[in-house]
Amino acid sequence: MEQTHPRPLLVLSGLFLIALVVRVIYFIELSQIPYFDIVLPVYDHSNFDQGALNFAAGDVLARSPNNSYSPLYKYFLGSLYFLFGRNFYVVYGLQFVLGAFGAVLIFLIGKRLFDVRVGLLAFIGFAFYSTEIIYEGIILRAAFITFLGIFSFYVLLRLRESPTPLMLIGCALILSLFFSVAS
């Protein structure tokens, strides 16, 4: 009897959906909180929110009360605010999608460095990691940093396997985004 292997894209899609469903369940619960769309000025969230609002209004520097962080996350938020208005459903939804995609990348990294079992364990650990999911539902750059870190690591692994000039340029761009957000 011949054994058939599931298609890799189907497996990756299934993993993505599992991680996304976990985040959607949390998102539904999060959206029921009365202060879901309130950003208090005493938290760091307000710096990113104000900078994003200013960027969406045309301030290229994305100024906010505390400008000690790199502005890339404010630009990301400001672009979303410009396109969709100050809509936290869109912001958190996109951050949750990035988190689910990050979980799939964690699977691929574990599988590539070790084997499928390690990839699955790493996926489960990240897909259900409550602290990461909470940070994906907050206007902070932490979820953005995590995603770019995972993505840059995955792309660096791929660069080792196919060292083409285009892959090198892609790695440099992704790493520069990661370093600019993390600084």
N, C-alpha and C. Protein backbone atom coordinates (compact mmCIF):
# COMPACT_ATOMS: atom_id res chain seq x y z
N MET A 1 0.84 -1.17 0.00
CA MET A 1 0.00 0.00 0.00
C MET A 1 0.89 1.24 0.00
N GLU A 2 0.62 2.12 -0.91
CA GLU A 2 1.42 3.32 -1.06
C GLU A 2 0.90 4.42 -0.13
N GLN A 3 1.83 5.07 0.58
CA GLN A 3 1.45 6.15 1.48
C GLN A 3 1.54 7.47 0.73
N THR A 4 0.55 8.31 0.94
CA THR A 4 0.58 9.63 0.32
C THR A 4 0.93 10.66 1.38
N HIS A 5 1.70 11.63 0.99
CA HIS A 5 2.09 12.71 1.89
C HIS A 5 1.23 13.92 1.60
N PRO A 6 0.76 14.60 2.65
CA PRO A 6 -0.04 15.79 2.41
C PRO A 6 0.79 16.87 1.72
N ARG A 7 0.14 17.64 0.97
CA ARG A 7 0.82 18.72 0.27
C ARG A 7 1.35 19.74 1.28
N PRO A 8 2.58 20.19 1.08
CA PRO A 8 3.16 21.13 2.03
C PRO A 8 2.34 22.41 2.19
N LEU A 9 1.78 22.92 1.10
CA LEU A 9 0.99 24.15 1.20
C LEU A 9 -0.26 23.93 2.03
N LEU A 10 -0.85 22.77 1.93
CA LEU A 10 -2.03 22.45 2.73
C LEU A 10 -1.69 22.38 4.22
N VAL A 11 -0.54 21.78 4.52
CA VAL A 11 -0.08 21.70 5.92
C VAL A 11 0.18 23.10 6.46
N LEU A 12 0.88 23.91 5.70
CA LEU A 12 1.19 25.27 6.14
C LEU A 12 -0.08 26.10 6.30
N SER A 13 -1.02 25.92 5.40
CA SER A 13 -2.30 26.63 5.52
C SER A 13 -3.06 26.20 6.77
N GLY A 14 -3.03 24.90 7.04
CA GLY A 14 -3.68 24.39 8.25
C GLY A 14 -3.04 24.95 9.52
N LEU A 15 -1.72 24.98 9.54
CA LEU A 15 -1.02 25.55 10.70
C LEU A 15 -1.35 27.03 10.86
N PHE A 16 -1.37 27.75 9.75
CA PHE A 16 -1.72 29.17 9.80
C PHE A 16 -3.13 29.36 10.36
N LEU A 17 -4.06 28.54 9.90
CA LEU A 17 -5.44 28.65 10.38
C LEU A 17 -5.56 28.32 11.86
N ILE A 18 -4.82 27.34 12.33
CA ILE A 18 -4.84 27.00 13.76
C ILE A 18 -4.36 28.19 14.58
N ALA A 19 -3.22 28.76 14.20
CA ALA A 19 -2.68 29.92 14.93
C ALA A 19 -3.63 31.11 14.83
N LEU A 20 -4.26 31.27 13.66
CA LEU A 20 -5.18 32.40 13.49
C LEU A 20 -6.45 32.21 14.30
N VAL A 21 -6.98 31.01 14.37
CA VAL A 21 -8.19 30.75 15.16
C VAL A 21 -7.95 31.07 16.63
N VAL A 22 -6.78 30.68 17.15
CA VAL A 22 -6.45 31.01 18.53
C VAL A 22 -6.48 32.53 18.73
N ARG A 23 -5.92 33.25 17.79
CA ARG A 23 -5.88 34.70 17.88
C ARG A 23 -7.26 35.33 17.69
N VAL A 24 -8.07 34.76 16.82
CA VAL A 24 -9.43 35.27 16.62
C VAL A 24 -10.26 35.09 17.90
N ILE A 25 -10.11 33.96 18.55
CA ILE A 25 -10.83 33.74 19.82
C ILE A 25 -10.42 34.80 20.83
N TYR A 26 -9.11 35.04 20.93
CA TYR A 26 -8.64 36.09 21.85
C TYR A 26 -9.15 37.46 21.40
N PHE A 27 -9.15 37.71 20.10
CA PHE A 27 -9.60 39.00 19.56
C PHE A 27 -11.07 39.26 19.89
N ILE A 28 -11.89 38.24 19.80
CA ILE A 28 -13.31 38.38 20.13
C ILE A 28 -13.45 38.75 21.60
N GLU A 29 -12.71 38.07 22.45
CA GLU A 29 -12.75 38.40 23.88
C GLU A 29 -12.22 39.81 24.13
N LEU A 30 -11.14 40.17 23.47
CA LEU A 30 -10.54 41.49 23.64
C LEU A 30 -11.50 42.60 23.22
N SER A 31 -12.21 42.39 22.14
CA SER A 31 -13.12 43.43 21.63
C SER A 31 -14.33 43.64 22.53
N GLN A 32 -14.59 42.72 23.46
CA GLN A 32 -15.71 42.87 24.39
C GLN A 32 -15.36 43.77 25.57
N ILE A 33 -14.09 44.06 25.77
CA ILE A 33 -13.67 44.92 26.87
C ILE A 33 -14.14 46.34 26.59
N PRO A 34 -14.75 47.01 27.57
CA PRO A 34 -15.26 48.37 27.33
C PRO A 34 -14.19 49.37 26.90
N TYR A 35 -12.95 49.16 27.31
CA TYR A 35 -11.88 50.10 26.97
C TYR A 35 -11.05 49.63 25.78
N PHE A 36 -11.66 48.85 24.91
CA PHE A 36 -10.97 48.27 23.76
C PHE A 36 -10.29 49.33 22.91
N ASP A 37 -10.98 50.42 22.64
CA ASP A 37 -10.44 51.44 21.73
C ASP A 37 -10.01 52.72 22.46
N ILE A 38 -9.71 52.60 23.73
CA ILE A 38 -9.24 53.73 24.52
C ILE A 38 -7.74 53.60 24.72
N VAL A 39 -7.01 54.65 24.43
CA VAL A 39 -5.58 54.68 24.65
C VAL A 39 -5.30 55.77 25.67
N LEU A 40 -4.93 55.37 26.87
CA LEU A 40 -4.66 56.32 27.93
C LEU A 40 -3.29 56.97 27.73
N PRO A 41 -3.19 58.27 27.99
CA PRO A 41 -1.92 58.96 27.73
C PRO A 41 -0.78 58.57 28.66
N VAL A 42 -1.05 57.83 29.72
CA VAL A 42 0.03 57.44 30.64
C VAL A 42 0.78 56.20 30.18
N TYR A 43 0.30 55.53 29.14
CA TYR A 43 0.95 54.31 28.65
C TYR A 43 1.75 54.60 27.39
N ASP A 44 2.69 53.71 27.09
CA ASP A 44 3.49 53.85 25.86
C ASP A 44 2.63 53.77 24.61
N HIS A 45 1.49 53.11 24.72
CA HIS A 45 0.59 52.99 23.57
C HIS A 45 0.26 54.37 22.99
N SER A 46 0.10 55.34 23.87
CA SER A 46 -0.31 56.67 23.41
C SER A 46 0.76 57.32 22.54
N ASN A 47 2.05 57.05 22.81
CA ASN A 47 3.11 57.60 21.97
C ASN A 47 3.01 57.08 20.54
N PHE A 48 2.80 55.78 20.42
CA PHE A 48 2.68 55.20 19.08
C PHE A 48 1.39 55.65 18.40
N ASP A 49 0.30 55.71 19.18
CA ASP A 49 -0.98 56.14 18.64
C ASP A 49 -0.92 57.58 18.16
N GLN A 50 -0.36 58.46 18.99
CA GLN A 50 -0.28 59.88 18.62
C GLN A 50 0.66 60.08 17.43
N GLY A 51 1.78 59.39 17.44
CA GLY A 51 2.69 59.48 16.29
C GLY A 51 2.04 58.99 15.01
N ALA A 52 1.27 57.91 15.11
CA ALA A 52 0.57 57.37 13.93
C ALA A 52 -0.51 58.34 13.45
N LEU A 53 -1.23 58.95 14.39
CA LEU A 53 -2.25 59.93 14.01
C LEU A 53 -1.59 61.13 13.31
N ASN A 54 -0.47 61.56 13.83
CA ASN A 54 0.25 62.69 13.21
C ASN A 54 0.77 62.31 11.83
N PHE A 55 1.29 61.10 11.69
CA PHE A 55 1.78 60.66 10.39
C PHE A 55 0.63 60.57 9.38
N ALA A 56 -0.50 60.04 9.81
CA ALA A 56 -1.66 59.94 8.92
C ALA A 56 -2.17 61.32 8.51
N ALA A 57 -1.94 62.32 9.37
CA ALA A 57 -2.37 63.69 9.07
C ALA A 57 -1.33 64.45 8.25
N GLY A 58 -0.19 63.83 7.95
CA GLY A 58 0.79 64.47 7.09
C GLY A 58 2.12 64.80 7.74
N ASP A 59 2.29 64.54 9.01
CA ASP A 59 3.56 64.78 9.69
C ASP A 59 4.52 63.65 9.36
N VAL A 60 5.47 63.91 8.48
CA VAL A 60 6.38 62.87 8.00
C VAL A 60 7.27 62.34 9.13
N LEU A 61 7.50 63.14 10.15
CA LEU A 61 8.34 62.70 11.26
C LEU A 61 7.57 61.89 12.29
N ALA A 62 6.25 61.84 12.18
CA ALA A 62 5.40 61.07 13.10
C ALA A 62 5.69 61.43 14.55
N ARG A 63 5.65 62.73 14.84
CA ARG A 63 5.99 63.21 16.18
C ARG A 63 4.97 62.74 17.22
N SER A 64 5.50 62.47 18.40
CA SER A 64 4.67 62.12 19.54
C SER A 64 5.37 62.64 20.79
N PRO A 65 4.69 62.60 21.95
CA PRO A 65 5.33 63.13 23.17
C PRO A 65 6.68 62.49 23.48
N ASN A 66 6.86 61.22 23.18
CA ASN A 66 8.13 60.55 23.41
C ASN A 66 8.65 60.04 22.08
N ASN A 67 9.64 60.70 21.54
CA ASN A 67 10.20 60.32 20.24
C ASN A 67 11.49 59.53 20.37
N SER A 68 11.67 58.83 21.48
CA SER A 68 12.92 58.09 21.67
C SER A 68 12.94 56.76 20.91
N TYR A 69 11.79 56.30 20.43
CA TYR A 69 11.74 55.05 19.68
C TYR A 69 11.86 55.35 18.19
N SER A 70 12.34 54.37 17.45
CA SER A 70 12.39 54.54 16.00
C SER A 70 10.96 54.66 15.46
N PRO A 71 10.77 55.43 14.42
CA PRO A 71 9.40 55.71 13.97
C PRO A 71 8.78 54.66 13.05
N LEU A 72 9.45 53.56 12.76
CA LEU A 72 8.92 52.61 11.79
C LEU A 72 7.55 52.07 12.18
N TYR A 73 7.38 51.73 13.46
CA TYR A 73 6.07 51.22 13.88
C TYR A 73 5.01 52.31 13.80
N LYS A 74 5.39 53.56 14.07
CA LYS A 74 4.44 54.67 13.92
C LYS A 74 4.06 54.84 12.45
N TYR A 75 5.01 54.63 11.55
CA TYR A 75 4.71 54.70 10.12
C TYR A 75 3.76 53.58 9.70
N PHE A 76 4.01 52.39 10.23
CA PHE A 76 3.13 51.25 9.97
C PHE A 76 1.71 51.57 10.44
N LEU A 77 1.58 52.02 11.69
CA LEU A 77 0.26 52.37 12.22
C LEU A 77 -0.35 53.54 11.47
N GLY A 78 0.47 54.55 11.22
CA GLY A 78 -0.03 55.74 10.51
C GLY A 78 -0.55 55.41 9.12
N SER A 79 0.11 54.48 8.45
CA SER A 79 -0.37 54.04 7.13
C SER A 79 -1.73 53.37 7.26
N LEU A 80 -1.89 52.54 8.29
CA LEU A 80 -3.19 51.90 8.52
C LEU A 80 -4.25 52.93 8.87
N TYR A 81 -3.88 53.90 9.72
CA TYR A 81 -4.82 54.96 10.09
C TYR A 81 -5.22 55.77 8.86
N PHE A 82 -4.26 56.04 7.99
CA PHE A 82 -4.55 56.81 6.78
C PHE A 82 -5.52 56.05 5.87
N LEU A 83 -5.30 54.74 5.74
CA LEU A 83 -6.14 53.92 4.85
C LEU A 83 -7.51 53.60 5.45
N PHE A 84 -7.55 53.29 6.75
CA PHE A 84 -8.77 52.77 7.36
C PHE A 84 -9.32 53.63 8.48
N GLY A 85 -8.69 54.75 8.77
CA GLY A 85 -9.07 55.53 9.92
C GLY A 85 -8.45 54.90 11.17
N ARG A 86 -8.71 55.48 12.29
CA ARG A 86 -8.16 54.96 13.56
C ARG A 86 -9.02 53.78 14.00
N ASN A 87 -8.82 52.66 13.33
CA ASN A 87 -9.64 51.48 13.52
C ASN A 87 -8.79 50.38 14.17
N PHE A 88 -9.03 50.13 15.45
CA PHE A 88 -8.23 49.14 16.16
C PHE A 88 -8.53 47.72 15.71
N TYR A 89 -9.70 47.49 15.13
CA TYR A 89 -9.99 46.16 14.58
C TYR A 89 -9.02 45.83 13.45
N VAL A 90 -8.74 46.81 12.62
CA VAL A 90 -7.80 46.60 11.51
C VAL A 90 -6.38 46.43 12.04
N VAL A 91 -5.98 47.31 12.97
CA VAL A 91 -4.62 47.25 13.51
C VAL A 91 -4.37 45.92 14.20
N TYR A 92 -5.22 45.56 15.13
CA TYR A 92 -5.02 44.32 15.87
C TYR A 92 -5.20 43.11 14.95
N GLY A 93 -6.16 43.19 14.04
CA GLY A 93 -6.37 42.09 13.10
C GLY A 93 -5.12 41.83 12.27
N LEU A 94 -4.49 42.88 11.78
CA LEU A 94 -3.28 42.71 10.99
C LEU A 94 -2.13 42.18 11.86
N GLN A 95 -2.05 42.66 13.09
CA GLN A 95 -1.00 42.16 13.98
C GLN A 95 -1.23 40.69 14.32
N PHE A 96 -2.48 40.28 14.45
CA PHE A 96 -2.77 38.87 14.70
C PHE A 96 -2.44 38.01 13.48
N VAL A 97 -2.69 38.53 12.29
CA VAL A 97 -2.32 37.79 11.08
C VAL A 97 -0.81 37.64 11.00
N LEU A 98 -0.07 38.71 11.32
CA LEU A 98 1.39 38.62 11.34
C LEU A 98 1.85 37.59 12.37
N GLY A 99 1.19 37.54 13.52
CA GLY A 99 1.54 36.56 14.54
C GLY A 99 1.29 35.13 14.08
N ALA A 100 0.17 34.91 13.39
CA ALA A 100 -0.12 33.57 12.87
C ALA A 100 0.88 33.18 11.79
N PHE A 101 1.24 34.13 10.96
CA PHE A 101 2.25 33.88 9.94
C PHE A 101 3.60 33.60 10.59
N GLY A 102 3.91 34.32 11.68
CA GLY A 102 5.14 34.07 12.43
C GLY A 102 5.17 32.67 13.00
N ALA A 103 4.03 32.16 13.45
CA ALA A 103 3.97 30.79 13.97
C ALA A 103 4.31 29.78 12.88
N VAL A 104 3.84 30.03 11.67
CA VAL A 104 4.17 29.14 10.54
C VAL A 104 5.66 29.22 10.22
N LEU A 105 6.21 30.43 10.28
CA LEU A 105 7.65 30.57 10.03
C LEU A 105 8.46 29.85 11.10
N ILE A 106 7.99 29.89 12.35
CA ILE A 106 8.66 29.16 13.43
C ILE A 106 8.65 27.66 13.12
N PHE A 107 7.52 27.16 12.62
CA PHE A 107 7.45 25.75 12.21
C PHE A 107 8.49 25.45 11.13
N LEU A 108 8.56 26.30 10.13
CA LEU A 108 9.51 26.07 9.03
C LEU A 108 10.95 26.14 9.51
N ILE A 109 11.24 27.04 10.43
CA ILE A 109 12.59 27.14 10.97
C ILE A 109 12.94 25.87 11.75
N GLY A 110 12.04 25.44 12.62
CA GLY A 110 12.29 24.22 13.39
C GLY A 110 12.45 23.01 12.50
N LYS A 111 11.61 22.92 11.48
CA LYS A 111 11.69 21.80 10.54
C LYS A 111 13.00 21.83 9.75
N ARG A 112 13.40 23.00 9.33
CA ARG A 112 14.62 23.13 8.52
C ARG A 112 15.88 22.84 9.34
N LEU A 113 15.90 23.32 10.59
CA LEU A 113 17.09 23.12 11.41
C LEU A 113 17.15 21.74 12.06
N PHE A 114 15.97 21.15 12.35
CA PHE A 114 15.95 19.87 13.05
C PHE A 114 15.11 18.86 12.27
N ASP A 115 13.81 18.79 12.57
CA ASP A 115 12.92 17.90 11.84
C ASP A 115 11.48 18.37 12.05
N VAL A 116 10.54 17.62 11.48
CA VAL A 116 9.13 18.02 11.52
C VAL A 116 8.60 18.07 12.95
N ARG A 117 9.01 17.12 13.78
CA ARG A 117 8.51 17.10 15.17
C ARG A 117 8.95 18.35 15.91
N VAL A 118 10.18 18.74 15.76
CA VAL A 118 10.65 19.97 16.41
C VAL A 118 9.90 21.18 15.85
N GLY A 119 9.69 21.19 14.55
CA GLY A 119 8.92 22.28 13.94
C GLY A 119 7.52 22.37 14.51
N LEU A 120 6.87 21.22 14.67
CA LEU A 120 5.51 21.22 15.25
C LEU A 120 5.51 21.67 16.71
N LEU A 121 6.48 21.22 17.48
CA LEU A 121 6.56 21.64 18.87
C LEU A 121 6.82 23.14 18.97
N ALA A 122 7.71 23.64 18.13
CA ALA A 122 7.98 25.08 18.12
C ALA A 122 6.74 25.86 17.70
N PHE A 123 6.03 25.34 16.70
CA PHE A 123 4.79 25.98 16.26
C PHE A 123 3.78 26.04 17.39
N ILE A 124 3.56 24.93 18.06
CA ILE A 124 2.59 24.87 19.16
C ILE A 124 2.99 25.85 20.25
N GLY A 125 4.27 25.86 20.58
CA GLY A 125 4.74 26.78 21.61
C GLY A 125 4.48 28.22 21.26
N PHE A 126 4.72 28.60 20.00
CA PHE A 126 4.52 29.99 19.61
C PHE A 126 3.05 30.31 19.34
N ALA A 127 2.35 29.39 18.70
CA ALA A 127 0.94 29.65 18.35
C ALA A 127 0.07 29.85 19.58
N PHE A 128 0.42 29.19 20.68
CA PHE A 128 -0.38 29.28 21.90
C PHE A 128 0.30 30.10 23.00
N TYR A 129 1.37 30.78 22.67
CA TYR A 129 2.12 31.56 23.66
C TYR A 129 1.32 32.81 24.02
N SER A 130 0.74 32.79 25.20
CA SER A 130 -0.21 33.83 25.59
C SER A 130 0.39 35.22 25.61
N THR A 131 1.60 35.36 26.08
CA THR A 131 2.21 36.70 26.15
C THR A 131 2.35 37.31 24.76
N GLU A 132 2.75 36.52 23.80
CA GLU A 132 2.87 37.02 22.42
C GLU A 132 1.50 37.43 21.89
N ILE A 133 0.50 36.62 22.14
CA ILE A 133 -0.85 36.93 21.65
C ILE A 133 -1.36 38.22 22.29
N ILE A 134 -1.09 38.41 23.56
CA ILE A 134 -1.50 39.64 24.24
C ILE A 134 -0.81 40.84 23.61
N TYR A 135 0.49 40.73 23.34
CA TYR A 135 1.21 41.85 22.72
C TYR A 135 0.74 42.13 21.30
N GLU A 136 0.23 41.14 20.62
CA GLU A 136 -0.31 41.36 19.28
C GLU A 136 -1.61 42.16 19.34
N GLY A 137 -2.25 42.17 20.49
CA GLY A 137 -3.50 42.93 20.67
C GLY A 137 -3.30 44.23 21.41
N ILE A 138 -2.12 44.80 21.31
CA ILE A 138 -1.81 46.08 21.94
C ILE A 138 -1.08 46.94 20.91
N ILE A 139 -1.25 48.23 21.02
CA ILE A 139 -0.53 49.13 20.12
C ILE A 139 0.86 49.36 20.70
N LEU A 140 1.69 48.37 20.52
CA LEU A 140 3.10 48.44 20.88
C LEU A 140 3.90 47.77 19.77
N ARG A 141 5.14 48.10 19.68
CA ARG A 141 5.96 47.56 18.60
C ARG A 141 6.46 46.16 18.87
N ALA A 142 6.17 45.58 20.04
CA ALA A 142 6.70 44.27 20.42
C ALA A 142 6.30 43.18 19.42
N ALA A 143 5.04 43.13 19.03
CA ALA A 143 4.60 42.11 18.08
C ALA A 143 5.26 42.31 16.72
N PHE A 144 5.45 43.56 16.35
CA PHE A 144 6.10 43.90 15.08
C PHE A 144 7.57 43.46 15.12
N ILE A 145 8.24 43.71 16.24
CA ILE A 145 9.63 43.30 16.40
C ILE A 145 9.74 41.78 16.33
N THR A 146 8.86 41.09 17.03
CA THR A 146 8.90 39.62 17.03
C THR A 146 8.72 39.06 15.63
N PHE A 147 7.73 39.58 14.90
CA PHE A 147 7.50 39.08 13.55
C PHE A 147 8.71 39.34 12.66
N LEU A 148 9.24 40.55 12.69
CA LEU A 148 10.39 40.85 11.83
C LEU A 148 11.63 40.04 12.23
N GLY A 149 11.79 39.77 13.52
CA GLY A 149 12.90 38.93 13.96
C GLY A 149 12.77 37.51 13.43
N ILE A 150 11.59 36.94 13.54
CA ILE A 150 11.35 35.58 13.02
C ILE A 150 11.54 35.55 11.51
N PHE A 151 10.97 36.53 10.83
CA PHE A 151 11.04 36.59 9.38
C PHE A 151 12.49 36.74 8.91
N SER A 152 13.25 37.60 9.58
CA SER A 152 14.65 37.79 9.17
C SER A 152 15.46 36.52 9.41
N PHE A 153 15.20 35.81 10.51
CA PHE A 153 15.90 34.56 10.76
C PHE A 153 15.58 33.53 9.68
N TYR A 154 14.31 33.44 9.30
CA TYR A 154 13.91 32.49 8.27
C TYR A 154 14.57 32.83 6.93
N VAL A 155 14.59 34.11 6.60
CA VAL A 155 15.19 34.52 5.33
C VAL A 155 16.69 34.28 5.34
N LEU A 156 17.34 34.48 6.49
CA LEU A 156 18.77 34.18 6.59
C LEU A 156 19.04 32.68 6.38
N LEU A 157 18.16 31.84 6.90
CA LEU A 157 18.31 30.40 6.65
C LEU A 157 18.17 30.09 5.17
N ARG A 158 17.23 30.74 4.54
CA ARG A 158 17.03 30.52 3.10
C ARG A 158 18.21 31.05 2.28
N LEU A 159 18.82 32.14 2.75
CA LEU A 159 19.98 32.71 2.05
C LEU A 159 21.13 31.71 2.04
N ARG A 160 21.27 30.99 3.14
CA ARG A 160 22.35 29.99 3.23
C ARG A 160 22.17 28.90 2.17
N GLU A 161 20.90 28.58 1.86
CA GLU A 161 20.63 27.53 0.89
C GLU A 161 20.70 28.02 -0.55
N SER A 162 20.28 29.24 -0.78
CA SER A 162 20.34 29.78 -2.15
C SER A 162 20.89 31.21 -2.10
N PRO A 163 22.21 31.32 -2.09
CA PRO A 163 22.85 32.63 -1.99
C PRO A 163 22.86 33.40 -3.31
N THR A 164 21.73 33.95 -3.67
CA THR A 164 21.65 34.75 -4.88
C THR A 164 21.70 36.24 -4.50
N PRO A 165 22.07 37.10 -5.43
CA PRO A 165 22.09 38.53 -5.12
C PRO A 165 20.73 39.08 -4.70
N LEU A 166 19.67 38.58 -5.32
CA LEU A 166 18.33 39.05 -4.96
C LEU A 166 17.96 38.63 -3.54
N MET A 167 18.33 37.41 -3.17
CA MET A 167 18.07 36.93 -1.81
C MET A 167 18.89 37.74 -0.80
N LEU A 168 20.11 38.08 -1.16
CA LEU A 168 20.96 38.89 -0.28
C LEU A 168 20.36 40.28 -0.07
N ILE A 169 19.85 40.87 -1.12
CA ILE A 169 19.20 42.18 -1.01
C ILE A 169 17.95 42.08 -0.15
N GLY A 170 17.16 41.03 -0.35
CA GLY A 170 15.97 40.82 0.48
C GLY A 170 16.31 40.66 1.95
N CYS A 171 17.35 39.89 2.23
CA CYS A 171 17.80 39.71 3.62
C CYS A 171 18.23 41.04 4.22
N ALA A 172 18.99 41.80 3.45
CA ALA A 172 19.46 43.10 3.96
C ALA A 172 18.29 44.03 4.26
N LEU A 173 17.30 44.04 3.41
CA LEU A 173 16.14 44.90 3.64
C LEU A 173 15.35 44.47 4.88
N ILE A 174 15.10 43.19 5.00
CA ILE A 174 14.33 42.68 6.14
C ILE A 174 15.09 42.89 7.45
N LEU A 175 16.40 42.61 7.42
CA LEU A 175 17.21 42.83 8.62
C LEU A 175 17.27 44.31 8.99
N SER A 176 17.35 45.18 8.00
CA SER A 176 17.39 46.60 8.31
C SER A 176 16.06 47.07 8.90
N LEU A 177 14.95 46.52 8.44
CA LEU A 177 13.65 46.83 9.05
C LEU A 177 13.61 46.35 10.49
N PHE A 178 14.08 45.13 10.70
CA PHE A 178 14.11 44.56 12.05
C PHE A 178 14.95 45.41 12.98
N PHE A 179 16.16 45.78 12.54
CA PHE A 179 17.04 46.56 13.40
C PHE A 179 16.49 47.96 13.65
N SER A 180 15.82 48.53 12.65
CA SER A 180 15.28 49.88 12.86
C SER A 180 14.08 49.87 13.81
N VAL A 181 13.31 48.80 13.83
CA VAL A 181 12.18 48.72 14.78
C VAL A 181 12.68 48.39 16.17
N ALA A 182 13.67 47.51 16.25
CA ALA A 182 14.16 47.06 17.55
C ALA A 182 15.01 48.09 18.26
N SER A 183 15.52 49.07 17.53
CA SER A 183 16.41 50.05 18.18
C SER A 183 15.64 51.12 18.91
